[in-house]
Amino acid sequence: MDSGLVLVGNADLTVYARAPDVIKVKFSDTAVKILIRFDKEVEIVNADQTCHELFASETVAMLGSYPDCILSHSQELQIIPGVGANITVGDNLVFNDNVLKARDEQYSRFLSGSFSVDSPDSPLRPTPVITS
């Protein structure tokens, strides 16, 4: 058990699961998405699965118009930037407080903080084609 209520004598003790941690934030190899990997399964609490709910306004502004944020599986969040996005390698994604927590844990600390975007692991390399 990661968390929960435990009776200790005549007192209730609430044990909180630790907050999920971000392992990696990087552009996908095609640079079409930003991938955020967590160290444990996460869930979105009391919010829609939108970039506006997940991230601070300064982060959402860098993601352009109508970005998509999708919890692709329980340990990865994908961001598809919108039109006019200007986010680059080295920029910080700032998470809103009290939105992401450990999955299936009633008592869990929430993820908070900011994380820098890294470059892709294996970026596509352009192949020049010369015609006469």
C-alpha atoms as a PDB file:
ATOM      1  CA  MET A   1       0.000   0.000   0.000  1.00  0.00           C
ATOM      2  CA  ASP A   2       1.410   3.356  -1.076  1.00  0.00           C
ATOM      3  CA  SER A   3      -1.044   5.495   0.827  1.00  0.00           C
ATOM      4  CA  GLY A   4      -4.211   5.468   2.905  1.00  0.00           C
ATOM      5  CA  LEU A   5      -5.615   5.814   6.381  1.00  0.00           C
ATOM      6  CA  VAL A   6      -3.976   3.849   9.169  1.00  0.00           C
ATOM      7  CA  LEU A   7      -5.384   3.631  12.686  1.00  0.00           C
ATOM      8  CA  VAL A   8      -2.642   4.269  15.244  1.00  0.00           C
ATOM      9  CA  GLY A   9      -4.001   3.894  18.760  1.00  0.00           C
ATOM     10  CA  ASN A  10      -6.835   6.404  19.015  1.00  0.00           C
ATOM     11  CA  ALA A  11      -5.598   8.559  16.139  1.00  0.00           C
ATOM     12  CA  ASP A  12      -6.001   8.310  12.388  1.00  0.00           C
ATOM     13  CA  LEU A  13      -2.792   8.685  10.446  1.00  0.00           C
ATOM     14  CA  THR A  14      -3.044   9.627   6.781  1.00  0.00           C
ATOM     15  CA  VAL A  15      -0.163   8.379   4.663  1.00  0.00           C
ATOM     16  CA  TYR A  16       0.261  10.139   1.328  1.00  0.00           C
ATOM     17  CA  ALA A  17       1.773   8.509  -1.728  1.00  0.00           C
ATOM     18  CA  ARG A  18       4.616  10.562  -3.111  1.00  0.00           C
ATOM     19  CA  ALA A  19       3.878  12.762  -6.080  1.00  0.00           C
ATOM     20  CA  PRO A  20       4.684  11.472  -9.528  1.00  0.00           C
ATOM     21  CA  ASP A  21       7.960  12.752 -10.909  1.00  0.00           C
ATOM     22  CA  VAL A  22       8.788  13.728 -14.471  1.00  0.00           C
ATOM     23  CA  ILE A  23      11.499  11.472 -15.883  1.00  0.00           C
ATOM     24  CA  LYS A  24      11.860  13.096 -19.299  1.00  0.00           C
ATOM     25  CA  VAL A  25      10.389  15.932 -21.368  1.00  0.00           C
ATOM     26  CA  LYS A  26      11.444  15.870 -25.006  1.00  0.00           C
ATOM     27  CA  PHE A  27      10.328  16.521 -28.538  1.00  0.00           C
ATOM     28  CA  SER A  28       9.313  13.424 -30.476  1.00  0.00           C
ATOM     29  CA  ASP A  29      11.741  12.326 -33.194  1.00  0.00           C
ATOM     30  CA  THR A  30       9.606  14.112 -35.800  1.00  0.00           C
ATOM     31  CA  ALA A  31       9.264  17.186 -33.514  1.00  0.00           C
ATOM     32  CA  VAL A  32       5.488  17.062 -34.007  1.00  0.00           C
ATOM     33  CA  LYS A  33       4.809  16.296 -30.328  1.00  0.00           C
ATOM     34  CA  ILE A  34       6.287  16.922 -26.921  1.00  0.00           C
ATOM     35  CA  LEU A  35       6.449  13.756 -24.823  1.00  0.00           C
ATOM     36  CA  ILE A  36       6.376  13.859 -21.028  1.00  0.00           C
ATOM     37  CA  ARG A  37       7.275  10.612 -19.256  1.00  0.00           C
ATOM     38  CA  PHE A  38       6.441  10.010 -15.575  1.00  0.00           C
ATOM     39  CA  ASP A  39       8.066   7.613 -13.098  1.00  0.00           C
ATOM     40  CA  LYS A  40       4.693   6.171 -12.069  1.00  0.00           C
ATOM     41  CA  GLU A  41       1.142   5.985 -13.360  1.00  0.00           C
ATOM     42  CA  VAL A  42      -0.690   9.318 -13.129  1.00  0.00           C
ATOM     43  CA  GLU A  43      -4.249  10.555 -13.304  1.00  0.00           C
ATOM     44  CA  ILE A  44      -5.791  13.952 -13.911  1.00  0.00           C
ATOM     45  CA  VAL A  45      -7.923  15.059 -10.972  1.00  0.00           C
ATOM     46  CA  ASN A  46     -10.988  17.313 -11.138  1.00  0.00           C
ATOM     47  CA  ALA A  47     -10.008  18.787 -14.486  1.00  0.00           C
ATOM     48  CA  ASP A  48     -10.528  18.272 -18.168  1.00  0.00           C
ATOM     49  CA  GLN A  49      -7.694  16.762 -20.129  1.00  0.00           C
ATOM     50  CA  THR A  50      -6.779  20.092 -21.723  1.00  0.00           C
ATOM     51  CA  CYS A  51      -3.511  21.963 -21.873  1.00  0.00           C
ATOM     52  CA  HIS A  52      -5.179  24.945 -20.145  1.00  0.00           C
ATOM     53  CA  GLU A  53      -6.044  22.765 -17.144  1.00  0.00           C
ATOM     54  CA  LEU A  54      -2.646  21.043 -16.956  1.00  0.00           C
ATOM     55  CA  PHE A  55      -0.222  23.908 -17.534  1.00  0.00           C
ATOM     56  CA  ALA A  56       0.334  27.492 -16.384  1.00  0.00           C
ATOM     57  CA  SER A  57      -0.770  30.244 -18.744  1.00  0.00           C
ATOM     58  CA  GLU A  58       2.801  31.115 -19.787  1.00  0.00           C
ATOM     59  CA  THR A  59       3.315  27.507 -20.914  1.00  0.00           C
ATOM     60  CA  VAL A  60      -0.005  27.376 -22.770  1.00  0.00           C
ATOM     61  CA  ALA A  61       0.939  30.603 -24.594  1.00  0.00           C
ATOM     62  CA  MET A  62       4.093  28.923 -25.966  1.00  0.00           C
ATOM     63  CA  LEU A  63       2.012  25.961 -27.205  1.00  0.00           C
ATOM     64  CA  GLY A  64       0.100  28.073 -29.743  1.00  0.00           C
ATOM     65  CA  SER A  65      -3.609  28.153 -30.564  1.00  0.00           C
ATOM     66  CA  TYR A  66      -5.655  25.088 -29.636  1.00  0.00           C
ATOM     67  CA  PRO A  67      -2.871  22.728 -28.521  1.00  0.00           C
ATOM     68  CA  ASP A  68      -3.847  19.175 -27.565  1.00  0.00           C
ATOM     69  CA  CYS A  69      -2.698  17.478 -24.372  1.00  0.00           C
ATOM     70  CA  ILE A  70      -3.412  13.758 -24.262  1.00  0.00           C
ATOM     71  CA  LEU A  71      -2.624  11.236 -21.545  1.00  0.00           C
ATOM     72  CA  SER A  72      -1.594   8.630 -24.129  1.00  0.00           C
ATOM     73  CA  HIS A  73      -1.137   6.008 -21.426  1.00  0.00           C
ATOM     74  CA  SER A  74      -0.873   6.164 -17.671  1.00  0.00           C
ATOM     75  CA  GLN A  75       2.814   7.158 -17.667  1.00  0.00           C
ATOM     76  CA  GLU A  76       3.012   9.470 -20.688  1.00  0.00           C
ATOM     77  CA  LEU A  77       1.459  12.797 -21.585  1.00  0.00           C
ATOM     78  CA  GLN A  78       1.663  13.959 -25.201  1.00  0.00           C
ATOM     79  CA  ILE A  79       1.397  17.586 -26.236  1.00  0.00           C
ATOM     80  CA  ILE A  80       0.571  18.433 -29.823  1.00  0.00           C
ATOM     81  CA  PRO A  81       1.362  22.142 -30.209  1.00  0.00           C
ATOM     82  CA  GLY A  82      -1.164  24.330 -31.981  1.00  0.00           C
ATOM     83  CA  VAL A  83      -0.885  26.918 -34.714  1.00  0.00           C
ATOM     84  CA  GLY A  84       1.749  29.546 -33.959  1.00  0.00           C
ATOM     85  CA  ALA A  85       3.543  27.517 -31.277  1.00  0.00           C
ATOM     86  CA  ASN A  86       6.933  28.919 -30.358  1.00  0.00           C
ATOM     87  CA  ILE A  87       8.171  26.385 -27.822  1.00  0.00           C
ATOM     88  CA  THR A  88      11.754  25.249 -28.351  1.00  0.00           C
ATOM     89  CA  VAL A  89      14.386  23.044 -26.743  1.00  0.00           C
ATOM     90  CA  GLY A  90      15.312  24.455 -23.343  1.00  0.00           C
ATOM     91  CA  ASP A  91      11.935  26.090 -22.669  1.00  0.00           C
ATOM     92  CA  ASN A  92      10.207  25.161 -19.417  1.00  0.00           C
ATOM     93  CA  LEU A  93       6.803  23.529 -19.086  1.00  0.00           C
ATOM     94  CA  VAL A  94       5.173  24.737 -15.863  1.00  0.00           C
ATOM     95  CA  PHE A  95       2.525  22.397 -14.440  1.00  0.00           C
ATOM     96  CA  ASN A  96      -0.515  23.753 -12.609  1.00  0.00           C
ATOM     97  CA  ASP A  97      -0.773  22.629  -8.988  1.00  0.00           C
ATOM     98  CA  ASN A  98      -3.303  20.042  -7.809  1.00  0.00           C
ATOM     99  CA  VAL A  99      -4.013  18.479 -11.214  1.00  0.00           C
ATOM    100  CA  LEU A 100      -1.768  15.396 -11.679  1.00  0.00           C
ATOM    101  CA  LYS A 101      -1.353  12.790  -8.948  1.00  0.00           C
ATOM    102  CA  ALA A 102      -0.447   9.124  -8.542  1.00  0.00           C
ATOM    103  CA  ARG A 103      -3.057   6.923 -10.210  1.00  0.00           C
ATOM    104  CA  ASP A 104      -5.506   4.975  -8.024  1.00  0.00           C
ATOM    105  CA  GLU A 105      -4.221   6.592  -4.827  1.00  0.00           C
ATOM    106  CA  GLN A 106      -6.895   8.380  -2.825  1.00  0.00           C
ATOM    107  CA  TYR A 107      -4.201  10.124  -0.811  1.00  0.00           C
ATOM    108  CA  SER A 108      -1.415  11.320  -3.063  1.00  0.00           C
ATOM    109  CA  ARG A 109       0.764  14.369  -3.317  1.00  0.00           C
ATOM    110  CA  PHE A 110       0.363  16.319  -6.554  1.00  0.00           C
ATOM    111  CA  LEU A 111       2.966  16.959  -9.226  1.00  0.00           C
ATOM    112  CA  SER A 112       4.173  20.545  -9.335  1.00  0.00           C
ATOM    113  CA  GLY A 113       7.048  22.481 -10.778  1.00  0.00           C
ATOM    114  CA  SER A 114       8.604  23.164 -14.140  1.00  0.00           C
ATOM    115  CA  PHE A 115      10.585  20.935 -16.447  1.00  0.00           C
ATOM    116  CA  SER A 116      12.845  21.780 -19.369  1.00  0.00           C
ATOM    117  CA  VAL A 117      12.103  20.442 -22.863  1.00  0.00           C
ATOM    118  CA  ASP A 118      14.927  18.342 -24.345  1.00  0.00           C
ATOM    119  CA  SER A 119      15.705  17.615 -27.967  1.00  0.00           C
ATOM    120  CA  PRO A 120      14.546  14.359 -29.612  1.00  0.00           C
ATOM    121  CA  ASP A 121      16.538  11.177 -29.017  1.00  0.00           C
ATOM    122  CA  SER A 122      16.825  10.417 -32.746  1.00  0.00           C
ATOM    123  CA  PRO A 123      15.750  13.468 -34.745  1.00  0.00           C
ATOM    124  CA  LEU A 124      14.840  13.047 -38.382  1.00  0.00           C
ATOM    125  CA  ARG A 125      17.693  14.023 -40.626  1.00  0.00           C
ATOM    126  CA  PRO A 126      16.789  15.764 -43.856  1.00  0.00           C
ATOM    127  CA  THR A 127      17.882  14.002 -47.008  1.00  0.00           C
ATOM    128  CA  PRO A 128      18.732  16.462 -49.761  1.00  0.00           C
ATOM    129  CA  VAL A 129      17.573  15.557 -53.239  1.00  0.00           C
ATOM    130  CA  ILE A 130      19.417  17.263 -56.074  1.00  0.00           C
ATOM    131  CA  THR A 131      17.791  17.199 -59.473  1.00  0.00           C
ATOM    132  CA  SER A 132      19.011  18.675 -62.694  1.00  0.00           C
END
